[in-house]
Protein backbone atom coordinates (compact mmCIF):
# COMPACT_ATOMS: atom_id res chain seq x y z
CA MET A 1 34.96 10.96 9.64
CA THR A 2 31.29 11.93 9.92
CA LEU A 3 28.52 9.43 10.59
CA PHE A 4 27.32 9.94 7.02
CA ASP A 5 30.75 9.23 5.56
CA SER A 6 31.11 6.16 7.75
CA PHE A 7 27.77 4.76 6.62
CA PHE A 8 28.69 5.13 2.95
CA LEU A 9 32.38 4.22 3.32
CA ASP A 10 32.12 0.96 1.39
CA ALA A 11 29.00 1.82 -0.60
CA PRO A 12 28.60 -0.03 -3.91
CA GLU A 13 28.82 1.92 -7.15
CA SER A 14 25.02 1.82 -7.44
CA VAL A 15 24.72 4.36 -4.60
CA ASN A 16 24.53 8.03 -5.55
CA VAL A 17 26.23 9.23 -2.36
CA ASP A 18 26.20 12.91 -3.36
CA GLY A 19 22.50 12.68 -4.19
CA VAL A 20 21.66 11.16 -0.81
CA ARG A 21 23.76 13.81 0.95
CA TYR A 22 21.99 16.60 -0.92
CA HIS A 23 18.52 15.35 0.00
CA TRP A 24 19.46 14.87 3.65
CA GLN A 25 21.14 18.23 4.10
CA SER A 26 18.27 20.03 2.37
CA LEU A 27 15.82 18.94 5.10
CA GLU A 28 17.18 21.09 7.91
CA PRO A 29 15.81 22.82 9.89
CA HIS A 30 12.20 21.97 9.03
CA TYR A 31 12.11 18.17 8.82
CA ASN A 32 13.67 15.42 10.94
CA VAL A 33 13.92 11.96 9.39
CA GLY A 34 12.85 10.37 12.69
CA ASP A 35 9.55 12.28 12.72
CA TRP A 36 8.16 10.96 9.46
CA MET A 37 4.50 9.95 9.21
CA LEU A 38 2.47 7.67 6.98
CA PRO A 39 -0.49 9.09 5.05
CA LEU A 40 -3.51 8.13 7.15
CA PRO A 41 -7.20 7.70 6.29
CA PRO A 42 -9.58 10.40 7.54
CA TRP A 43 -10.98 8.26 10.36
CA ARG A 44 -7.51 8.14 11.91
CA HIS A 45 -7.50 11.93 12.09
CA HIS A 46 -11.09 12.59 13.12
CA GLY A 47 -12.56 9.32 14.38
CA TYR A 48 -15.94 8.09 13.18
CA SER A 49 -18.94 10.39 13.02
CA ASP A 50 -21.34 7.49 12.41
CA SER A 51 -21.82 4.05 13.91
CA GLY A 52 -21.57 0.97 11.71
CA HIS A 53 -25.34 0.74 11.26
CA ALA A 54 -25.65 4.45 10.49
CA ALA A 55 -22.75 4.25 8.04
CA TRP A 56 -24.49 1.43 6.17
CA ASN A 57 -27.72 3.44 5.89
CA ILE A 58 -25.80 6.43 4.55
CA LEU A 59 -23.92 4.32 2.03
CA GLN A 60 -27.11 2.69 0.81
CA HIS A 61 -28.52 6.14 0.11
CA ASP A 62 -25.33 7.41 -1.53
CA LEU A 63 -25.03 4.38 -3.77
CA SER A 64 -28.54 4.93 -5.09
CA GLN A 65 -27.45 8.34 -6.42
CA VAL A 66 -24.30 7.41 -8.38
CA GLU A 67 -24.10 7.45 -12.17
CA PRO A 68 -23.97 3.93 -13.65
CA ASP A 69 -20.74 4.42 -15.61
CA LYS A 70 -18.53 5.49 -12.70
CA PRO A 71 -15.74 2.91 -12.20
CA PHE A 72 -14.75 1.43 -8.86
CA CYS A 73 -12.31 -1.14 -7.58
CA ILE A 74 -12.74 -4.01 -5.16
CA TYR A 75 -10.44 -4.90 -2.28
CA LEU A 76 -10.84 -8.10 -0.26
CA HIS A 77 -8.84 -8.58 2.93
CA THR A 78 -7.59 -11.92 4.23
CA PRO A 79 -6.10 -11.78 7.75
CA PHE A 80 -4.62 -15.31 7.77
CA CYS A 81 -1.01 -16.43 7.35
CA SER A 82 0.65 -19.82 7.66
CA ARG A 83 2.83 -18.26 10.34
CA LYS A 84 3.13 -14.82 11.89
CA CYS A 85 6.49 -13.30 11.02
CA ASN A 86 8.06 -11.53 13.98
CA PHE A 87 8.83 -8.36 12.04
CA CYS A 88 5.31 -7.99 10.63
CA ASP A 89 3.28 -4.91 11.57
CA SER A 90 0.19 -5.90 9.57
CA TYR A 91 -3.14 -7.09 10.91
CA SER A 92 -2.68 -10.81 10.36
CA PHE A 93 -2.46 -14.00 12.38
CA LYS A 94 -1.99 -17.74 12.23
CA LEU A 95 -5.11 -19.85 12.58
CA GLY A 96 -5.14 -22.45 15.31
CA SER A 97 -7.38 -25.50 15.20
CA HIS A 98 -10.12 -26.21 12.64
CA GLN A 99 -8.31 -24.27 9.92
CA THR A 100 -10.35 -25.69 7.05
CA GLU A 101 -13.66 -24.82 8.70
CA ARG A 102 -12.53 -21.33 9.73
CA ILE A 103 -11.23 -20.55 6.25
CA GLN A 104 -14.50 -21.68 4.70
CA ASP A 105 -16.51 -19.63 7.21
CA TYR A 106 -14.49 -16.54 6.36
CA VAL A 107 -14.75 -17.03 2.61
CA ASP A 108 -18.52 -17.56 2.95
CA ARG A 109 -18.65 -14.34 4.98
CA LEU A 110 -16.77 -12.42 2.27
CA CYS A 111 -19.11 -13.72 -0.41
CA TYR A 112 -22.14 -12.89 1.70
CA GLU A 113 -20.91 -9.32 2.00
CA LEU A 114 -20.10 -9.06 -1.70
CA ARG A 115 -23.65 -10.11 -2.60
CA LEU A 116 -25.04 -7.60 -0.12
CA TRP A 117 -23.09 -4.73 -1.69
CA SER A 118 -24.05 -5.83 -5.21
CA GLN A 119 -27.71 -5.22 -4.34
CA GLN A 120 -27.11 -1.54 -3.56
CA GLY A 121 -27.98 1.03 -6.20
CA ASN A 122 -26.42 0.19 -9.55
CA LEU A 123 -23.15 -1.07 -8.09
CA SER A 124 -23.51 -4.42 -9.84
CA GLN A 125 -23.58 -2.67 -13.25
CA ARG A 126 -20.73 -0.19 -12.70
CA PRO A 127 -17.38 -1.05 -14.34
CA VAL A 128 -14.74 -2.65 -12.10
CA SER A 129 -11.17 -1.50 -12.74
CA THR A 130 -9.47 -4.06 -10.49
CA VAL A 131 -10.10 -6.78 -7.95
CA HIS A 132 -7.27 -6.86 -5.41
CA LEU A 133 -6.78 -9.50 -2.71
CA GLY A 134 -4.64 -8.38 0.21
CA GLY A 135 -3.73 -9.47 3.70
CA GLY A 136 -2.31 -11.35 5.45
CA THR A 137 -1.66 -13.90 2.77
CA PRO A 138 -4.62 -14.47 0.42
CA THR A 139 -3.01 -17.53 -1.16
CA PHE A 140 -3.15 -19.22 2.26
CA LEU A 141 -6.88 -19.68 1.60
CA GLY A 142 -6.14 -22.35 -1.01
CA GLY A 143 -7.25 -22.85 -4.59
CA ALA A 144 -10.89 -23.78 -3.90
CA ALA A 145 -11.47 -20.74 -1.71
CA LEU A 146 -9.80 -18.40 -4.19
CA ARG A 147 -11.99 -19.83 -6.93
CA GLN A 148 -15.11 -19.26 -4.80
CA ILE A 149 -14.18 -15.63 -4.14
CA THR A 150 -13.31 -14.97 -7.79
CA ASP A 151 -16.49 -16.59 -9.08
CA CYS A 152 -18.53 -14.56 -6.60
CA CYS A 153 -16.99 -11.29 -7.82
CA ARG A 154 -17.73 -12.24 -11.42
CA GLU A 155 -21.33 -13.17 -10.59
CA CYS A 156 -22.04 -10.04 -8.53
CA PHE A 157 -20.26 -7.29 -10.43
CA SER A 158 -19.55 -6.04 -13.93
CA VAL A 159 -16.00 -7.24 -14.41
CA SER A 160 -14.67 -7.18 -17.96
CA PRO A 161 -11.59 -8.32 -19.90
CA GLU A 162 -10.02 -4.98 -18.90
CA THR A 163 -10.45 -5.64 -15.17
CA GLU A 164 -7.11 -6.37 -13.51
CA TRP A 165 -7.06 -9.27 -11.06
CA ALA A 166 -4.30 -8.83 -8.50
CA LEU A 167 -3.18 -10.24 -5.19
CA GLU A 168 -0.46 -10.18 -2.56
CA SER A 169 1.49 -13.24 -1.45
CA THR A 170 4.76 -14.59 -0.13
CA VAL A 171 7.32 -16.87 -1.76
CA ASN A 172 6.47 -19.71 0.60
CA GLU A 173 2.75 -19.69 -0.25
CA LEU A 174 3.06 -19.20 -4.01
CA THR A 175 3.39 -22.84 -5.03
CA PRO A 176 3.20 -23.90 -8.69
CA GLU A 177 -0.20 -25.44 -7.98
CA ILE A 178 -1.68 -22.24 -6.54
CA THR A 179 -0.10 -20.17 -9.31
CA ASP A 180 -1.74 -22.39 -11.93
CA VAL A 181 -5.13 -21.92 -10.28
CA LEU A 182 -4.69 -18.16 -10.11
CA HIS A 183 -3.59 -17.96 -13.73
CA GLU A 184 -6.62 -19.98 -14.80
CA LEU A 185 -8.88 -17.64 -12.82
CA GLY A 186 -7.46 -14.59 -14.60
CA TYR A 187 -5.02 -13.12 -12.07
CA ARG A 188 -2.21 -11.25 -13.78
CA ARG A 189 -0.64 -9.02 -11.12
CA LEU A 190 1.33 -10.19 -8.09
CA HIS A 191 2.74 -8.13 -5.23
CA ILE A 192 5.15 -10.29 -3.29
CA GLY A 193 6.71 -9.64 0.11
CA ILE A 194 10.37 -10.30 -0.61
CA GLN A 195 11.59 -7.77 2.04
CA THR A 196 15.27 -8.71 1.51
CA LEU A 197 17.55 -11.05 -0.42
CA GLU A 198 20.28 -11.23 2.23
CA PRO A 199 20.30 -14.82 3.56
CA GLN A 200 21.03 -13.98 7.20
CA VAL A 201 18.42 -11.23 7.23
CA ARG A 202 15.81 -13.52 5.66
CA LYS A 203 16.50 -16.19 8.27
CA THR A 204 16.22 -13.68 11.11
CA ILE A 205 12.88 -12.27 9.97
CA GLY A 206 11.41 -15.72 9.39
CA ARG A 207 11.49 -15.88 5.61
CA LEU A 208 11.92 -19.61 5.05
CA ARG A 209 13.09 -19.77 1.44
CA HIS A 210 16.66 -19.11 0.34
CA PRO A 211 17.05 -16.04 -1.92
CA VAL A 212 17.64 -18.30 -4.93
CA ALA A 213 14.30 -20.04 -4.32
CA ALA A 214 12.60 -16.67 -3.90
CA LEU A 215 13.97 -15.49 -7.22
CA ASP A 216 12.85 -18.73 -8.87
CA VAL A 217 9.26 -18.06 -7.78
CA ILE A 218 9.38 -14.52 -9.19
CA GLU A 219 10.88 -15.66 -12.48
CA ARG A 220 8.29 -18.42 -12.80
CA THR A 221 5.51 -15.87 -12.36
CA LEU A 222 7.09 -13.40 -14.77
CA ALA A 223 7.29 -16.19 -17.36
CA LEU A 224 3.48 -16.34 -17.26
CA ASP A 225 3.46 -12.69 -18.42
CA TRP A 226 2.26 -11.40 -15.07
CA VAL A 227 3.10 -7.97 -13.70
CA VAL A 228 5.19 -8.56 -10.57
CA SER A 229 6.07 -6.02 -7.89
CA VAL A 230 7.87 -6.50 -4.59
CA ASP A 231 8.14 -5.11 -1.07
CA LEU A 232 11.57 -4.18 0.24
CA ILE A 233 12.13 -3.02 3.82
CA CYS A 234 14.81 -0.70 5.21
CA GLY A 235 15.88 -1.31 8.80
CA LEU A 236 15.89 -5.10 9.24
CA PRO A 237 18.33 -6.87 11.58
CA TYR A 238 21.81 -7.46 10.11
CA GLN A 239 20.83 -5.63 6.93
CA THR A 240 23.60 -3.98 4.93
CA LEU A 241 23.50 -1.14 2.46
CA THR A 242 25.27 -3.31 -0.12
CA GLY A 243 22.77 -6.14 0.33
CA PHE A 244 19.83 -3.76 -0.01
CA MET A 245 21.16 -2.13 -3.18
CA ASP A 246 22.21 -5.46 -4.69
CA ALA A 247 18.69 -6.79 -4.16
CA ILE A 248 17.22 -3.91 -6.13
CA GLU A 249 19.63 -4.51 -8.99
CA ILE A 250 19.05 -8.27 -9.03
CA LEU A 251 15.28 -7.84 -9.01
CA MET A 252 15.42 -5.22 -11.76
CA ASP A 253 17.64 -7.46 -13.86
CA ILE A 254 15.23 -10.42 -13.75
CA GLY A 255 12.38 -8.16 -14.85
CA VAL A 256 10.46 -7.14 -11.71
CA ASN A 257 8.04 -4.38 -12.67
CA GLY A 258 7.57 -2.47 -9.42
CA PHE A 259 9.16 -1.79 -6.03
CA SER A 260 7.46 -0.66 -2.83
CA ILE A 261 10.10 0.51 -0.36
CA TYR A 262 9.41 1.43 3.24
CA GLU A 263 11.00 1.56 6.66
CA LEU A 264 10.34 -1.23 9.14
CA LEU A 265 7.42 -0.03 11.23
CA VAL A 266 7.59 -0.63 14.98
CA TYR A 267 4.11 -1.28 16.32
CA PRO A 268 2.89 -2.94 19.53
CA GLN A 269 2.60 -6.31 17.78
CA ASN A 270 6.29 -6.40 16.80
CA ARG A 271 7.89 -4.04 19.34
CA ARG A 272 9.29 -6.78 21.59
CA TRP A 273 11.01 -8.47 18.67
CA CYS A 274 12.33 -5.14 17.32
CA LYS A 275 13.72 -4.24 20.74
CA GLN A 276 15.52 -7.59 20.88
CA TYR A 277 17.49 -6.59 17.77
CA GLY A 278 18.05 -2.96 18.74
CA LEU A 279 15.58 -1.65 16.19
CA THR A 280 13.77 0.80 18.47
CA ALA A 281 16.61 3.30 18.95
CA PRO A 282 15.80 6.76 17.52
CA SER A 283 19.07 6.76 15.59
CA ARG A 284 17.86 3.90 13.37
CA HIS A 285 15.67 6.28 11.33
CA LEU A 286 18.69 8.14 9.98
CA PHE A 287 20.37 5.01 8.60
CA ASN A 288 17.07 3.76 7.19
CA TYR A 289 16.39 7.11 5.54
CA TRP A 290 19.80 7.10 3.85
CA MET A 291 19.18 3.56 2.61
CA PHE A 292 15.67 4.46 1.40
CA VAL A 293 16.88 7.49 -0.57
CA ALA A 294 19.77 5.52 -2.05
CA GLY A 295 17.34 2.86 -3.30
CA ALA A 296 14.94 5.46 -4.66
CA LEU A 297 17.66 7.27 -6.59
CA LEU A 298 18.87 3.99 -8.08
CA LEU A 299 15.38 3.07 -9.28
CA GLU A 300 14.84 6.50 -10.78
CA SER A 301 18.20 6.34 -12.55
CA ARG A 302 17.04 3.10 -14.17
CA GLY A 303 13.79 4.61 -15.48
CA PHE A 304 11.36 3.58 -12.75
CA ALA A 305 8.81 6.27 -11.88
CA LYS A 306 6.51 6.57 -8.88
CA ASN A 307 2.78 6.05 -9.28
CA LEU A 308 2.39 5.98 -5.49
CA PHE A 309 4.44 7.87 -2.92
CA ASN A 310 6.53 4.77 -2.06
CA HIS A 311 6.10 2.64 -5.19
CA TRP A 312 8.45 2.83 -8.16
CA ALA A 313 7.14 1.17 -11.31
CA ASP A 314 7.89 0.55 -14.96
CA ALA A 315 5.36 1.21 -17.72
CA GLN A 316 3.62 -2.15 -17.23
CA ASP A 317 2.98 -1.76 -13.50
CA THR A 318 0.07 0.65 -13.32
CA ASN A 319 -0.63 -0.35 -9.69
CA ILE A 320 -4.36 0.06 -10.29
CA TYR A 321 -5.71 -0.68 -6.81
CA PHE A 322 -3.40 1.67 -4.92
CA THR A 323 -3.84 4.50 -7.43
CA PHE A 324 -7.64 4.58 -7.50
CA PRO A 325 -7.92 8.00 -5.73
CA ILE A 326 -6.05 9.89 -8.45
CA ARG A 327 -8.46 8.45 -11.04
CA GLY A 328 -11.47 9.54 -8.97
CA GLU A 329 -12.75 5.99 -8.50
CA ASP A 330 -14.63 4.53 -5.56
CA LEU A 331 -13.33 1.63 -3.49
CA LEU A 332 -15.49 -1.25 -2.35
CA ALA A 333 -13.50 -2.82 0.51
CA VAL A 334 -14.71 -6.10 1.99
CA GLY A 335 -13.46 -8.14 4.95
CA THR A 336 -12.09 -7.57 8.40
CA ILE A 337 -10.39 -4.16 8.97
CA ALA A 338 -10.91 -3.24 5.28
CA ASP A 339 -11.23 0.50 4.49
CA GLY A 340 -13.49 1.67 1.67
CA VAL A 341 -14.75 4.95 0.25
CA PHE A 342 -17.66 5.98 -1.95
CA GLY A 343 -17.59 9.59 -3.03
CA ASN A 344 -16.55 11.51 0.08
CA TYR A 345 -17.82 8.91 2.54
CA HIS A 346 -15.24 6.64 4.21
CA TYR A 347 -16.02 3.44 6.09
CA ARG A 348 -14.11 0.70 7.88
CA HIS A 349 -14.72 -2.86 9.06
CA PRO A 350 -13.95 -4.14 12.56
CA SER A 351 -11.43 -6.74 13.68
CA TYR A 352 -11.88 -10.42 12.83
CA ALA A 353 -13.98 -11.65 15.78
CA ARG A 354 -16.46 -8.80 15.52
CA TYR A 355 -16.59 -9.06 11.74
CA MET A 356 -17.49 -12.74 11.86
CA LYS A 357 -20.45 -12.10 14.18
CA HIS A 358 -22.28 -10.23 11.40
CA SER A 359 -22.78 -13.22 9.16
CA GLN A 360 -26.53 -13.45 8.52
CA ASP A 361 -28.08 -10.21 9.70
CA GLY A 362 -28.39 -8.31 6.42
CA LEU A 363 -25.50 -6.00 7.30
CA PRO A 364 -21.90 -5.81 6.10
CA GLY A 365 -20.77 -5.48 9.71
CA LEU A 366 -19.12 -2.06 9.45
CA GLU A 367 -17.30 -0.55 12.41
CA GLY A 368 -18.06 3.05 11.53
CA GLY A 369 -17.89 5.77 8.92
CA LEU A 370 -17.50 9.49 8.31
CA ARG A 371 -18.04 12.00 5.53
CA ARG A 372 -15.29 14.42 4.63
CA ASP A 373 -16.40 17.97 5.36
CA THR A 374 -16.23 20.83 2.88
CA ALA A 375 -12.94 22.16 4.20
CA PHE A 376 -11.24 18.78 3.94
CA ASP A 377 -12.65 18.31 0.44
CA MET A 378 -10.91 21.53 -0.60
CA ILE A 379 -7.48 20.03 0.05
CA GLN A 380 -8.40 16.52 -1.08
CA PRO A 381 -7.10 16.95 -4.68
CA PHE A 382 -3.73 17.97 -3.28
CA VAL A 383 -3.76 15.07 -0.80
CA LYS A 384 -4.48 12.66 -3.65
CA GLY A 385 -1.62 14.20 -5.62
CA ILE A 386 0.82 13.64 -2.78
CA GLN A 387 -0.34 10.05 -2.39
CA ALA A 388 0.18 9.54 -6.13
CA SER A 389 3.54 11.37 -5.98
CA ARG A 390 2.52 13.96 -8.57
CA ILE A 391 0.38 17.09 -8.33
CA SER A 392 -1.08 18.64 -11.46
CA GLY A 393 -0.62 22.29 -12.28
CA GLN A 394 -4.36 22.88 -11.99
CA VAL A 395 -4.43 21.44 -8.46
CA VAL A 396 -1.45 23.61 -7.50
CA HIS A 397 -3.14 26.72 -8.89
CA GLU A 398 -6.42 26.02 -7.10
CA ALA A 399 -4.64 25.36 -3.81
CA LYS A 400 -2.78 28.65 -4.03
CA SER A 401 -6.06 30.45 -4.71
CA ASN A 402 -7.92 28.79 -1.83
CA PHE A 403 -5.20 28.97 0.81
CA PRO A 404 -3.15 32.18 1.14
CA GLY A 405 -0.25 30.40 2.84
CA MET A 406 0.10 27.70 0.18
CA SER A 407 2.77 29.49 -1.87
CA ALA A 408 5.01 29.84 1.18
CA LEU A 409 4.48 26.18 2.07
CA LEU A 410 5.38 25.04 -1.43
CA ASP A 411 8.51 27.21 -1.34
CA ARG A 412 9.52 25.48 1.89
CA TRP A 413 8.94 22.04 0.39
CA MET A 414 11.01 23.05 -2.64
CA THR A 415 13.84 24.40 -0.50
CA CYS A 416 13.85 21.19 1.54
CA SER A 417 13.97 19.16 -1.70
CA LEU A 418 10.70 17.39 -0.94
CA ILE A 419 9.19 18.36 -4.28
CA ASN A 420 10.44 19.51 -7.63
CA HIS A 421 8.89 20.63 -10.88
CA ASN A 422 7.09 18.15 -13.09
CA GLY A 423 6.66 19.81 -16.43
CA SER A 424 5.78 23.49 -16.69
CA ASP A 425 3.44 23.91 -13.74
CA GLY A 426 3.02 20.56 -11.99
CA LEU A 427 4.96 19.13 -9.06
CA LYS A 428 6.24 15.70 -8.06
CA LEU A 429 7.65 14.21 -4.90
CA THR A 430 11.36 13.63 -4.63
CA ALA A 431 12.87 10.65 -2.80
CA SER A 432 12.78 12.70 0.42
CA GLY A 433 9.23 13.72 -0.34
CA SER A 434 8.28 10.04 -0.48
CA TRP A 435 9.74 9.51 3.01
CA PHE A 436 7.77 12.50 4.32
CA ALA A 437 4.52 12.02 2.36
CA GLY A 438 2.44 11.83 5.55
CA ASN A 439 4.10 14.97 6.87
CA LEU A 440 3.25 16.88 3.70
CA ILE A 441 -0.39 15.89 4.10
CA ALA A 442 -0.24 16.96 7.76
CA ASP A 443 1.17 20.33 6.62
CA LEU A 444 -1.85 20.70 4.35
CA THR A 445 -4.40 19.80 7.02
CA ALA A 446 -2.94 22.58 9.20
CA PHE A 447 -4.79 24.97 6.89
CA LEU A 448 -8.05 23.50 8.17
CA VAL A 449 -7.42 24.20 11.86
């Protein structure tokens, strides 16, 4: 019996075993499931070309030149959590002493920065498509702080009834009281870090609520007519294929609108814990890949379609914040380690301690910035298409015209079942293509060397 057959020996009926096998076998010899990469922002590839102060001066100039009707979205980052989960690879931490004061200081800092940005060019008059609170756990801030942030956004920018208010949270933090406050403030989209519904797995990764309680929170939020999406992770300790697939079916059945699926990332902040559970072995990628593709094929068979390379959604879940690039919108990102972009200029904030030092100096406290060069701009439409999981026929045609090797590259992707046709001339990522989205972007950037 092969390793593949052994893994799927007792697979539930929801698994399309032949489909997973086809995707896996199509990859050789060009792609190895253990060598996958995430799509990365330009500063991760090239570093910063400008200091934080220089980046702010450039952005001030650029913002004075933008047409007043160009939409943008707002992202606000909260680094705090009630506890730091051992598996977590995100930039987040538990506050120590003086929590109330430190939360208030941070919220005041966010609002100070929001007001500073609103004074640049015509940004305060431009339409806002979405306000998205991420983290960390934004709901950890509490109702009063969330109200202060929301009121500040409404005072500083041109939000409208069409603006979507969204945030990320966990089951433990999403109490009925905080949900009531959020609903009153206008929030209508929730992305919740479920990760798994297997009781032993939840206990091991530090998720405190039983799966039944987690489902109750989701159903309570859905009853308010919110759009709800979830995170699910492949590669957690004691995880089973049956438990992973059952979770998808249960969540679909109660009405969850969207699913973000990804492999457990092993970073310095969680490496010791991952090693303790044997999660650093190279062989783990293969099992996680099979699980990922099985989940993706199930979602697609039930009518969910990707609007981001790793996010499957129904018609209600438009995932506005994460899909801003494909709409050509700008992103105003505020808070520690937040990444933003206006036009072709990208900027980033520093870590928490450095961010908090820039509280009253007339600066947003940026870490640095860079402008995409002409060559990178030529492939940017294709990069955006990969990130959105669909590439228009026009973008495909232009890429073939600009880069002589593009046709051969697309043939390779097609042979490896990373893409397939989407209509007459467009392309879309397959389940395997979602796993290798960062690699596809890296293949494109090779044209620029």
